[in-house]
C-alpha atoms as a PDB file:
ATOM      1  CA  MET A   1      10.712 -19.088 -13.208  1.00  0.00           C
ATOM      2  CA  GLU A   2       7.215 -18.783 -14.689  1.00  0.00           C
ATOM      3  CA  TYR A   3       4.274 -18.601 -12.330  1.00  0.00           C
ATOM      4  CA  THR A   4       0.884 -20.045 -13.138  1.00  0.00           C
ATOM      5  CA  ASP A   5      -1.418 -17.133 -13.780  1.00  0.00           C
ATOM      6  CA  LEU A   6      -5.116 -17.922 -13.793  1.00  0.00           C
ATOM      7  CA  HIS A   7      -5.732 -15.025 -16.155  1.00  0.00           C
ATOM      8  CA  ARG A   8      -2.912 -15.634 -18.629  1.00  0.00           C
ATOM      9  CA  ASP A   9      -5.311 -16.208 -21.551  1.00  0.00           C
ATOM     10  CA  LEU A  10      -7.154 -13.019 -20.691  1.00  0.00           C
ATOM     11  CA  ILE A  11      -3.886 -11.082 -20.661  1.00  0.00           C
ATOM     12  CA  GLU A  12      -3.006 -12.536 -24.063  1.00  0.00           C
ATOM     13  CA  GLN A  13      -6.375 -11.315 -25.352  1.00  0.00           C
ATOM     14  CA  CYS A  14      -5.528  -7.857 -24.006  1.00  0.00           C
ATOM     15  CA  ARG A  15      -2.198  -7.983 -25.823  1.00  0.00           C
ATOM     16  CA  ARG A  16      -4.161  -8.596 -29.027  1.00  0.00           C
ATOM     17  CA  GLY A  17      -6.271  -5.514 -28.279  1.00  0.00           C
ATOM     18  CA  GLU A  18      -9.560  -7.253 -27.480  1.00  0.00           C
ATOM     19  CA  ARG A  19     -11.721  -4.657 -25.720  1.00  0.00           C
ATOM     20  CA  ASN A  20     -13.821  -7.140 -23.747  1.00  0.00           C
ATOM     21  CA  ALA A  21     -10.639  -8.594 -22.278  1.00  0.00           C
ATOM     22  CA  PHE A  22      -9.563  -5.141 -21.055  1.00  0.00           C
ATOM     23  CA  ARG A  23     -12.946  -4.691 -19.377  1.00  0.00           C
ATOM     24  CA  GLU A  24     -12.726  -8.110 -17.747  1.00  0.00           C
ATOM     25  CA  VAL A  25      -9.202  -7.500 -16.432  1.00  0.00           C
ATOM     26  CA  TYR A  26     -10.356  -4.184 -15.002  1.00  0.00           C
ATOM     27  CA  ARG A  27     -13.374  -5.870 -13.393  1.00  0.00           C
ATOM     28  CA  LEU A  28     -11.201  -8.613 -11.882  1.00  0.00           C
ATOM     29  CA  TYR A  29      -8.488  -6.386 -10.443  1.00  0.00           C
ATOM     30  CA  SER A  30      -9.901  -2.889  -9.915  1.00  0.00           C
ATOM     31  CA  LYS A  31     -11.339  -3.380  -6.428  1.00  0.00           C
ATOM     32  CA  SER A  32      -8.212  -4.906  -4.903  1.00  0.00           C
ATOM     33  CA  MET A  33      -5.930  -2.418  -6.660  1.00  0.00           C
ATOM     34  CA  PHE A  34      -8.125   0.477  -5.526  1.00  0.00           C
ATOM     35  CA  ASN A  35      -7.706  -0.777  -1.950  1.00  0.00           C
ATOM     36  CA  VAL A  36      -3.918  -0.839  -2.376  1.00  0.00           C
ATOM     37  CA  ALA A  37      -3.957   2.738  -3.699  1.00  0.00           C
ATOM     38  CA  LEU A  38      -6.318   3.839  -0.930  1.00  0.00           C
ATOM     39  CA  ARG A  39      -4.089   2.383   1.785  1.00  0.00           C
ATOM     40  CA  MET A  40      -1.097   4.098   0.196  1.00  0.00           C
ATOM     41  CA  THR A  41      -2.622   7.532  -0.403  1.00  0.00           C
ATOM     42  CA  GLY A  42      -5.265   7.664   2.307  1.00  0.00           C
ATOM     43  CA  MET A  43      -7.758   9.465   0.047  1.00  0.00           C
ATOM     44  CA  ALA A  44     -10.425   7.811  -2.116  1.00  0.00           C
ATOM     45  CA  HIS A  45     -10.398  10.420  -4.892  1.00  0.00           C
ATOM     46  CA  ILE A  46      -6.609  10.201  -5.168  1.00  0.00           C
ATOM     47  CA  ALA A  47      -6.732   6.398  -5.062  1.00  0.00           C
ATOM     48  CA  GLU A  48      -9.187   6.465  -7.969  1.00  0.00           C
ATOM     49  CA  ASP A  49      -6.824   8.656 -10.006  1.00  0.00           C
ATOM     50  CA  VAL A  50      -3.884   6.392  -9.163  1.00  0.00           C
ATOM     51  CA  LEU A  51      -5.952   3.357 -10.145  1.00  0.00           C
ATOM     52  CA  GLN A  52      -6.834   4.815 -13.541  1.00  0.00           C
ATOM     53  CA  GLU A  53      -3.224   5.796 -14.236  1.00  0.00           C
ATOM     54  CA  ALA A  54      -1.966   2.377 -13.162  1.00  0.00           C
ATOM     55  CA  PHE A  55      -4.391   0.523 -15.432  1.00  0.00           C
ATOM     56  CA  ALA A  56      -3.586   2.849 -18.331  1.00  0.00           C
ATOM     57  CA  ASP A  57       0.133   2.218 -17.835  1.00  0.00           C
ATOM     58  CA  ALA A  58      -0.376  -1.524 -17.440  1.00  0.00           C
ATOM     59  CA  PHE A  59      -2.516  -1.816 -20.560  1.00  0.00           C
ATOM     60  CA  THR A  60      -0.077   0.195 -22.654  1.00  0.00           C
ATOM     61  CA  SER A  61       2.912  -1.723 -21.278  1.00  0.00           C
ATOM     62  CA  LEU A  62       1.678  -5.302 -21.559  1.00  0.00           C
ATOM     63  CA  ASP A  63       4.729  -6.096 -23.690  1.00  0.00           C
ATOM     64  CA  LYS A  64       6.832  -5.537 -20.535  1.00  0.00           C
ATOM     65  CA  PHE A  65       4.891  -8.164 -18.565  1.00  0.00           C
ATOM     66  CA  ARG A  66       7.093 -11.257 -18.794  1.00  0.00           C
ATOM     67  CA  ASN A  67       5.061 -13.850 -16.853  1.00  0.00           C
ATOM     68  CA  ASP A  68       7.781 -14.093 -14.181  1.00  0.00           C
ATOM     69  CA  SER A  69       5.038 -13.307 -11.650  1.00  0.00           C
ATOM     70  CA  THR A  70       1.264 -13.200 -11.771  1.00  0.00           C
ATOM     71  CA  PHE A  71      -0.378 -10.348 -13.631  1.00  0.00           C
ATOM     72  CA  GLY A  72      -1.943  -9.251 -10.325  1.00  0.00           C
ATOM     73  CA  ALA A  73       1.464  -8.974  -8.653  1.00  0.00           C
ATOM     74  CA  TRP A  74       2.833  -7.024 -11.634  1.00  0.00           C
ATOM     75  CA  LEU A  75      -0.174  -4.688 -11.608  1.00  0.00           C
ATOM     76  CA  LYS A  76       0.121  -4.224  -7.843  1.00  0.00           C
ATOM     77  CA  ARG A  77       3.710  -3.045  -8.261  1.00  0.00           C
ATOM     78  CA  ILE A  78       2.508  -0.480 -10.809  1.00  0.00           C
ATOM     79  CA  VAL A  79      -0.182   0.722  -8.371  1.00  0.00           C
ATOM     80  CA  VAL A  80       2.397   0.977  -5.576  1.00  0.00           C
ATOM     81  CA  PHE A  81       4.781   2.933  -7.833  1.00  0.00           C
ATOM     82  CA  LYS A  82       1.984   5.262  -8.975  1.00  0.00           C
ATOM     83  CA  SER A  83       0.838   5.822  -5.383  1.00  0.00           C
ATOM     84  CA  TYR A  84       4.373   6.534  -4.263  1.00  0.00           C
ATOM     85  CA  ASP A  85       4.940   8.866  -7.219  1.00  0.00           C
ATOM     86  CA  TYR A  86       1.806  10.762  -6.269  1.00  0.00           C
ATOM     87  CA  LEU A  87       2.847  11.050  -2.625  1.00  0.00           C
ATOM     88  CA  ASN A  88       6.403  11.972  -3.530  1.00  0.00           C
ATOM     89  CA  SER A  89       5.287  14.668  -5.967  1.00  0.00           C
ATOM     90  CA  ARG A  90       2.995  16.225  -3.354  1.00  0.00           C
ATOM     91  CA  VAL A  91       5.387  15.986  -0.398  1.00  0.00           C
ATOM     92  CA  ALA A  92       9.010  17.066  -0.570  1.00  0.00           C
ATOM     93  CA  GLY A  93      10.693  13.747   0.115  1.00  0.00           C
ATOM     94  CA  PHE A  94      10.341  11.701   3.243  1.00  0.00           C
ATOM     95  CA  GLU A  95       9.294  13.343   6.478  1.00  0.00           C
ATOM     96  CA  PHE A  96      11.153  11.896   9.415  1.00  0.00           C
ATOM     97  CA  LEU A  97       9.721  11.699  12.905  1.00  0.00           C
ATOM     98  CA  GLU A  98      11.970  12.902  15.714  1.00  0.00           C
ATOM     99  CA  ASP A  99      13.304  10.938  18.676  1.00  0.00           C
ATOM    100  CA  MET A 100      12.158   7.401  18.094  1.00  0.00           C
ATOM    101  CA  GLU A 101      11.454   5.620  21.385  1.00  0.00           C
ATOM    102  CA  GLN A 102      11.207   1.874  21.911  1.00  0.00           C
ATOM    103  CA  TYR A 103       8.079   0.487  23.489  1.00  0.00           C
ATOM    104  CA  ASP A 104       7.286  -2.705  25.356  1.00  0.00           C
ATOM    105  CA  SER A 105       5.543  -5.115  22.993  1.00  0.00           C
ATOM    106  CA  SER A 106       5.315  -7.832  25.651  1.00  0.00           C
ATOM    107  CA  GLU A 107       2.083  -6.439  27.094  1.00  0.00           C
ATOM    108  CA  PRO A 108      -0.844  -8.880  26.800  1.00  0.00           C
ATOM    109  CA  GLU A 109      -3.246  -8.308  23.909  1.00  0.00           C
ATOM    110  CA  PRO A 110      -6.687  -7.080  25.026  1.00  0.00           C
ATOM    111  CA  GLU A 111      -9.838  -9.014  24.069  1.00  0.00           C
ATOM    112  CA  PHE A 112     -12.444  -7.136  21.982  1.00  0.00           C
ATOM    113  CA  SER A 113     -16.105  -7.608  21.095  1.00  0.00           C
ATOM    114  CA  GLU A 114     -16.985  -7.201  17.399  1.00  0.00           C
ATOM    115  CA  GLU A 115     -18.129  -3.626  17.989  1.00  0.00           C
ATOM    116  CA  GLN A 116     -14.977  -2.786  19.936  1.00  0.00           C
ATOM    117  CA  LEU A 117     -12.875  -4.390  17.220  1.00  0.00           C
ATOM    118  CA  ALA A 118     -14.626  -2.336  14.516  1.00  0.00           C
ATOM    119  CA  ASN A 119     -13.999   0.836  16.525  1.00  0.00           C
ATOM    120  CA  GLU A 120     -10.356  -0.127  17.063  1.00  0.00           C
ATOM    121  CA  VAL A 121      -9.856  -0.764  13.333  1.00  0.00           C
ATOM    122  CA  LYS A 122     -11.364   2.653  12.607  1.00  0.00           C
ATOM    123  CA  ARG A 123      -9.010   4.300  15.124  1.00  0.00           C
ATOM    124  CA  ILE A 124      -6.003   2.526  13.601  1.00  0.00           C
ATOM    125  CA  LYS A 125      -6.975   3.622  10.082  1.00  0.00           C
ATOM    126  CA  GLU A 126      -7.356   7.204  11.293  1.00  0.00           C
ATOM    127  CA  ALA A 127      -3.974   7.070  13.032  1.00  0.00           C
ATOM    128  CA  VAL A 128      -2.236   5.668   9.945  1.00  0.00           C
ATOM    129  CA  ALA A 129      -3.850   8.396   7.815  1.00  0.00           C
ATOM    130  CA  LYS A 130      -2.259  11.034  10.101  1.00  0.00           C
ATOM    131  CA  LEU A 131       1.268   9.745   9.499  1.00  0.00           C
ATOM    132  CA  PRO A 132       3.637  11.733   7.298  1.00  0.00           C
ATOM    133  CA  ALA A 133       3.526  10.440   3.716  1.00  0.00           C
ATOM    134  CA  GLY A 134       6.909   8.705   3.822  1.00  0.00           C
ATOM    135  CA  SER A 135       6.222   6.851   7.048  1.00  0.00           C
ATOM    136  CA  ARG A 136       2.714   5.908   5.930  1.00  0.00           C
ATOM    137  CA  THR A 137       4.082   4.545   2.661  1.00  0.00           C
ATOM    138  CA  VAL A 138       6.677   2.320   4.343  1.00  0.00           C
ATOM    139  CA  LEU A 139       4.192   1.111   6.969  1.00  0.00           C
ATOM    140  CA  THR A 140       1.589   0.320   4.310  1.00  0.00           C
ATOM    141  CA  LEU A 141       4.030  -1.505   2.063  1.00  0.00           C
ATOM    142  CA  TYR A 142       5.406  -3.564   4.941  1.00  0.00           C
ATOM    143  CA  LEU A 143       2.311  -4.355   6.996  1.00  0.00           C
ATOM    144  CA  PHE A 144      -0.523  -4.340   4.490  1.00  0.00           C
ATOM    145  CA  GLU A 145       1.144  -5.186   1.188  1.00  0.00           C
ATOM    146  CA  GLY A 146       3.649  -7.720   2.512  1.00  0.00           C
ATOM    147  CA  TYR A 147       6.839  -6.265   1.050  1.00  0.00           C
ATOM    148  CA  ASP A 148      10.066  -6.759   3.006  1.00  0.00           C
ATOM    149  CA  HIS A 149      12.470  -3.898   3.719  1.00  0.00           C
ATOM    150  CA  GLU A 150      14.785  -4.822   0.858  1.00  0.00           C
ATOM    151  CA  GLU A 151      11.883  -4.632  -1.623  1.00  0.00           C
ATOM    152  CA  ILE A 152      10.640  -1.388  -0.082  1.00  0.00           C
ATOM    153  CA  SER A 153      14.097   0.139  -0.401  1.00  0.00           C
ATOM    154  CA  GLN A 154      14.152  -0.757  -4.104  1.00  0.00           C
ATOM    155  CA  ILE A 155      10.624   0.530  -4.739  1.00  0.00           C
ATOM    156  CA  LEU A 156      11.165   3.837  -2.949  1.00  0.00           C
ATOM    157  CA  GLY A 157      14.816   4.377  -3.792  1.00  0.00           C
ATOM    158  CA  ILE A 158      15.878   4.522  -0.140  1.00  0.00           C
ATOM    159  CA  SER A 159      18.274   2.402   1.885  1.00  0.00           C
ATOM    160  CA  GLU A 160      17.074  -0.706   3.665  1.00  0.00           C
ATOM    161  CA  SER A 161      17.994   0.854   7.016  1.00  0.00           C
ATOM    162  CA  THR A 162      15.911   3.940   6.167  1.00  0.00           C
ATOM    163  CA  SER A 163      12.971   1.659   5.413  1.00  0.00           C
ATOM    164  CA  LYS A 164      13.388  -0.091   8.764  1.00  0.00           C
ATOM    165  CA  THR A 165      13.729   3.211  10.607  1.00  0.00           C
ATOM    166  CA  GLN A 166      10.660   4.680   8.879  1.00  0.00           C
ATOM    167  CA  TYR A 167       8.694   1.552   9.749  1.00  0.00           C
ATOM    168  CA  MET A 168       9.704   1.613  13.428  1.00  0.00           C
ATOM    169  CA  ARG A 169       8.959   5.323  13.698  1.00  0.00           C
ATOM    170  CA  ALA A 170       5.609   4.887  11.977  1.00  0.00           C
ATOM    171  CA  LYS A 171       4.638   2.110  14.392  1.00  0.00           C
ATOM    172  CA  GLN A 172       5.661   4.285  17.340  1.00  0.00           C
ATOM    173  CA  LYS A 173       3.716   7.269  16.020  1.00  0.00           C
ATOM    174  CA  VAL A 174       0.604   5.141  15.449  1.00  0.00           C
ATOM    175  CA  LYS A 175       0.903   3.874  19.021  1.00  0.00           C
ATOM    176  CA  GLU A 176       1.192   7.455  20.305  1.00  0.00           C
ATOM    177  CA  LEU A 177      -1.806   8.576  18.252  1.00  0.00           C
ATOM    178  CA  LEU A 178      -3.866   5.634  19.484  1.00  0.00           C
ATOM    179  CA  THR A 179      -2.892   6.363  23.091  1.00  0.00           C
ATOM    180  CA  GLN A 180      -3.865  10.022  22.620  1.00  0.00           C
ATOM    181  CA  SER A 181      -7.209   9.194  21.026  1.00  0.00           C
ATOM    182  CA  HIS A 182      -7.910   6.605  23.739  1.00  0.00           C
ATOM    183  CA  SER A 183      -7.254   9.155  26.506  1.00  0.00           C
ATOM    184  CA  HIS A 184      -9.540  11.689  24.748  1.00  0.00           C
ATOM    185  CA  GLU A 185     -12.376   9.148  24.642  1.00  0.00           C
ATOM    186  CA  ARG A 186     -12.436   8.773  28.422  1.00  0.00           C
END
């Protein structure tokens, strides 16, 4: 199945080596792809490196783009792979959290003012950044990038059950970190 890609003509210009087209593609996609890399790696300078490598790979591999998805989706997969490769090369495999505990998700959601919400978002980002690389990767791919566990297992070369376990443990660890930081603020 071929998807309609708003930038198909621009990609064709890139395939022909037109420099302005490369610049335009970079302009169109760099911010969102940087954000993907930043969520994956947790560090802006690393995300920038990942972004540059991903664009270089994408531009030199345009012949592999088959229009079976949008260019943005294809590029996002490259960014995810590059981010994961970076994390995997810096950390020896996946780090597993011990003794996963279930928690009660039936508690009512609190109401927040805009300032409280901004502070809560900051706390969540800080908690996610403290996760081990493997857990952070699975959590990011699932929650923020919208991949399901089957796709995550294929991307990371792990089983689907490992993806689910990593995700559950990551959520639990974030909850623990948020509870700890909340008790320290009092």
